[in-house]
Amino acid sequence: MKRYFTKQLDHSDKKLFLELEEQDIDVLVNMNGIVYCKGIDDIYNYDYDNSGSDTNLHYKDISKGMFADVDLFQIDALSGLDCGFADDEGYLISEMIATMKQKGRSCEELETFEAFQYWDGSNWEMIFLTYYDDDTGWEEETEIFQEMLLVDSDKYDFYIERHYKLADGREATETQSFYQGSLPQIEIKE
C-alpha cells in the first residue's frame, strides 16, 4: 500500500510531495541515553549511547531486545566493559542483569518515529515524517491521494508535470524537477 505525505512550501500554493511504498518507510528508535542488550541471556552483546548523538536503530532489528536508561548505570563501568579492562567484570555484568530485570523495558515501550531515507545523487538524506511529539512539517495525506488518477503528463527540458484527477473531483499537478536532490512538488487546484 502506498502512503502519501506533503509539506507546505513557504509563500506558495505548492507542497513537497512524497509517494512512498510502506517498505520504504523506516520505523526507528533514537538510542540517545539508552542501554540496549539483545536479551538477558545475551547481556554481553550490549550497546549504549550517552553522547547526545542522533543514533537511530531500526525497530525491526531491535524488537526482541531489552532497554534501560543509561543513567541507571555507572558510565565508567560500561566504558570499562567496552574496553575490556573492567576489574570486576562478573560483578558489573550481574548488576547489569539485575537492573535490566528490574527497570528494563521492551522495545514496545519505546517511542518510535517514521523516516524515509533516499539517495539525492551525492548523499544519503533522511526525512523525518514523524518525530515523537515534534512537528516535522510533513502531513500524511493518503486519503486524498490514494485513488488519484493520472490524466496527462508533460515533459519539459528541466522537469516533468503529471496531471491527476483526485477522488473528490479536484485536479492536482505534480512537478518533478530533473535537478539532482530535488523532491517532487504538488499543487491542488480548488
Protein backbone atom coordinates (compact mmCIF):
# COMPACT_ATOMS: atom_id res chain seq x y z
CA MET A 1 0.00 0.00 0.00
CA LYS A 2 1.24 3.46 -0.84
CA ARG A 3 1.30 6.32 1.63
CA TYR A 4 1.40 9.98 0.65
CA PHE A 5 3.00 12.86 2.54
CA THR A 6 3.10 16.60 1.86
CA LYS A 7 4.96 19.54 3.36
CA GLN A 8 3.80 23.11 2.74
CA LEU A 9 6.30 25.36 0.99
CA ASP A 10 6.68 28.93 2.23
CA HIS A 11 4.90 31.58 0.18
CA SER A 12 3.48 29.08 -2.31
CA ASP A 13 0.40 27.02 -3.05
CA LYS A 14 2.69 24.10 -3.81
CA LYS A 15 3.73 21.41 -1.34
CA LEU A 16 6.63 18.97 -1.32
CA PHE A 17 5.18 15.59 -2.21
CA LEU A 18 6.25 12.05 -1.30
CA GLU A 19 4.61 8.92 -2.70
CA LEU A 20 6.07 6.04 -0.69
CA GLU A 21 5.62 2.30 -0.53
CA GLU A 22 5.16 1.01 3.02
CA GLN A 23 8.52 -0.84 2.87
CA ASP A 24 10.31 2.48 2.06
CA ILE A 25 9.32 3.96 5.41
CA ASP A 26 11.67 3.11 8.26
CA VAL A 27 10.36 2.79 11.81
CA LEU A 28 13.22 3.93 14.04
CA VAL A 29 14.12 4.33 17.71
CA ASN A 30 16.51 7.06 18.84
CA MET A 31 19.09 5.43 21.11
CA ASN A 32 20.40 8.59 22.81
CA GLY A 33 20.64 7.85 26.54
CA ILE A 34 19.59 4.21 26.18
CA VAL A 35 21.38 0.99 27.13
CA TYR A 36 20.40 -1.83 24.82
CA CYS A 37 21.09 -5.54 25.01
CA LYS A 38 19.75 -8.27 22.78
CA GLY A 39 18.29 -10.03 25.82
CA ILE A 40 19.04 -11.03 29.39
CA ASP A 41 20.60 -14.25 28.07
CA ASP A 42 22.87 -12.20 25.80
CA ILE A 43 23.94 -9.46 28.21
CA TYR A 44 27.49 -9.43 26.80
CA ASN A 45 26.08 -8.21 23.49
CA TYR A 46 25.04 -4.71 24.58
CA ASP A 47 25.42 -1.16 23.39
CA TYR A 48 24.75 2.25 24.86
CA ASP A 49 24.77 5.86 23.78
CA ASN A 50 25.41 8.67 26.21
CA SER A 51 26.88 11.18 23.79
CA GLY A 52 23.75 13.09 22.79
CA SER A 53 24.13 11.66 19.30
CA ASP A 54 21.42 11.00 16.78
CA THR A 55 21.98 7.25 16.60
CA ASN A 56 18.81 5.62 15.32
CA LEU A 57 18.20 1.89 15.11
CA HIS A 58 15.58 0.12 13.05
CA TYR A 59 12.72 -1.10 15.22
CA LYS A 60 12.59 -4.47 13.45
CA ASP A 61 16.29 -5.09 14.22
CA ILE A 62 15.95 -4.49 17.97
CA SER A 63 12.37 -5.59 18.65
CA LYS A 64 13.43 -8.53 20.85
CA GLY A 65 15.90 -6.55 22.96
CA MET A 66 15.84 -5.06 26.44
CA PHE A 67 16.34 -1.35 27.12
CA ALA A 68 17.06 0.88 30.10
CA ASP A 69 18.00 4.49 30.62
CA VAL A 70 21.76 4.92 30.63
CA ASP A 71 21.65 6.95 33.87
CA LEU A 72 20.67 3.76 35.75
CA PHE A 73 24.22 2.51 35.17
CA GLN A 74 27.68 3.73 36.00
CA ILE A 75 29.02 5.03 32.70
CA ASP A 76 32.62 4.37 33.76
CA ALA A 77 31.68 0.73 34.38
CA LEU A 78 30.08 0.41 30.94
CA SER A 79 33.15 2.03 29.37
CA GLY A 80 35.42 -0.38 31.23
CA LEU A 81 33.45 -3.36 29.95
CA ASP A 82 33.61 -1.94 26.41
CA CYS A 83 37.37 -1.67 26.53
CA GLY A 84 37.91 -5.00 28.27
CA PHE A 85 39.68 -3.62 31.33
CA ALA A 86 36.98 -3.79 34.00
CA ASP A 87 38.46 -5.19 37.21
CA ASP A 88 35.18 -6.59 38.46
CA GLU A 89 33.56 -7.72 35.21
CA GLY A 90 31.50 -10.50 36.80
CA TYR A 91 30.00 -8.10 39.35
CA LEU A 92 29.26 -5.46 36.71
CA ILE A 93 27.53 -7.99 34.48
CA SER A 94 25.41 -9.27 37.38
CA GLU A 95 24.48 -5.64 38.23
CA MET A 96 23.51 -5.02 34.59
CA ILE A 97 21.33 -8.14 34.59
CA ALA A 98 19.63 -7.15 37.87
CA THR A 99 18.99 -3.58 36.64
CA MET A 100 17.66 -4.79 33.29
CA LYS A 101 15.31 -7.24 35.02
CA GLN A 102 14.01 -4.60 37.45
CA LYS A 103 13.89 -1.45 35.35
CA GLY A 104 14.38 -2.61 31.79
CA ARG A 105 11.79 -2.03 29.09
CA SER A 106 10.83 -3.92 26.00
CA CYS A 107 11.00 -2.33 22.55
CA GLU A 108 7.22 -1.88 22.51
CA GLU A 109 7.57 0.62 25.37
CA LEU A 110 9.97 2.89 23.47
CA GLU A 111 8.81 5.78 21.34
CA THR A 112 9.24 5.23 17.64
CA PHE A 113 9.19 7.58 14.69
CA GLU A 114 8.99 7.21 10.93
CA ALA A 115 11.61 8.33 8.44
CA PHE A 116 12.35 8.00 4.75
CA GLN A 117 15.93 7.67 3.50
CA TYR A 118 16.87 8.38 -0.09
CA TRP A 119 19.93 8.96 -2.24
CA ASP A 120 19.87 12.54 -3.56
CA GLY A 121 22.51 11.84 -6.20
CA SER A 122 25.51 12.53 -3.98
CA ASN A 123 24.46 11.91 -0.35
CA TRP A 124 22.10 9.82 1.70
CA GLU A 125 19.37 12.05 3.09
CA MET A 126 16.79 11.31 5.79
CA ILE A 127 13.37 12.91 6.02
CA PHE A 128 11.64 12.61 9.38
CA LEU A 129 7.98 12.03 8.59
CA THR A 130 7.10 11.83 12.28
CA TYR A 131 9.41 12.51 15.20
CA TYR A 132 7.95 11.88 18.63
CA ASP A 133 5.85 14.93 19.53
CA ASP A 134 7.78 17.34 17.32
CA ASP A 135 6.18 18.88 14.26
CA THR A 136 8.25 17.86 11.24
CA GLY A 137 6.02 19.79 8.84
CA TRP A 138 5.15 16.61 6.96
CA GLU A 139 1.49 15.62 6.90
CA GLU A 140 0.19 12.24 5.83
CA GLU A 141 -2.50 12.77 3.19
CA THR A 142 -3.02 9.22 1.97
CA GLU A 143 -6.83 9.59 1.96
CA ILE A 144 -6.64 12.46 -0.53
CA PHE A 145 -4.15 10.91 -2.97
CA GLN A 146 -4.60 7.13 -2.78
CA GLU A 147 -7.26 7.00 -5.51
CA MET A 148 -5.87 9.70 -7.77
CA LEU A 149 -5.96 9.00 -11.49
CA LEU A 150 -3.20 10.08 -13.87
CA VAL A 151 -4.88 12.12 -16.62
CA ASP A 152 -1.95 13.55 -18.57
CA SER A 153 1.74 14.38 -18.36
CA ASP A 154 4.04 16.92 -19.99
CA LYS A 155 7.82 16.67 -20.26
CA TYR A 156 9.91 19.83 -20.44
CA ASP A 157 13.66 20.44 -20.57
CA PHE A 158 14.18 20.56 -16.81
CA TYR A 159 11.09 18.93 -15.29
CA ILE A 160 8.04 16.76 -15.87
CA GLU A 161 4.46 17.57 -14.91
CA ARG A 162 1.86 14.93 -14.14
CA HIS A 163 -1.79 15.92 -14.03
CA TYR A 164 -4.14 13.96 -11.76
CA LYS A 165 -7.84 13.79 -11.01
CA LEU A 166 -8.45 13.26 -7.30
CA ALA A 167 -11.28 11.10 -5.93
CA ASP A 168 -13.17 14.22 -4.77
CA GLY A 169 -13.10 15.71 -8.29
CA ARG A 170 -10.33 18.25 -7.75
CA GLU A 171 -7.30 18.37 -10.02
CA ALA A 172 -3.67 18.21 -8.93
CA THR A 173 -0.41 18.83 -10.75
CA GLU A 174 2.81 17.14 -9.64
CA THR A 175 6.07 18.72 -10.79
CA GLN A 176 9.28 16.67 -10.69
CA SER A 177 12.47 18.56 -11.44
CA PHE A 178 15.34 16.77 -13.12
CA TYR A 179 17.83 18.57 -10.87
CA GLN A 180 19.76 16.31 -8.53
CA GLY A 181 18.38 16.15 -4.99
CA SER A 182 15.07 17.89 -5.67
CA LEU A 183 11.83 16.45 -4.31
CA PRO A 184 8.57 16.44 -6.27
CA GLN A 185 6.03 19.19 -5.63
CA ILE A 186 2.26 19.08 -5.94
CA GLU A 187 -0.39 21.74 -6.27
CA ILE A 188 -4.11 21.04 -5.78
CA LYS A 189 -6.43 23.23 -7.80
CA GLU A 190 -9.54 24.10 -5.83
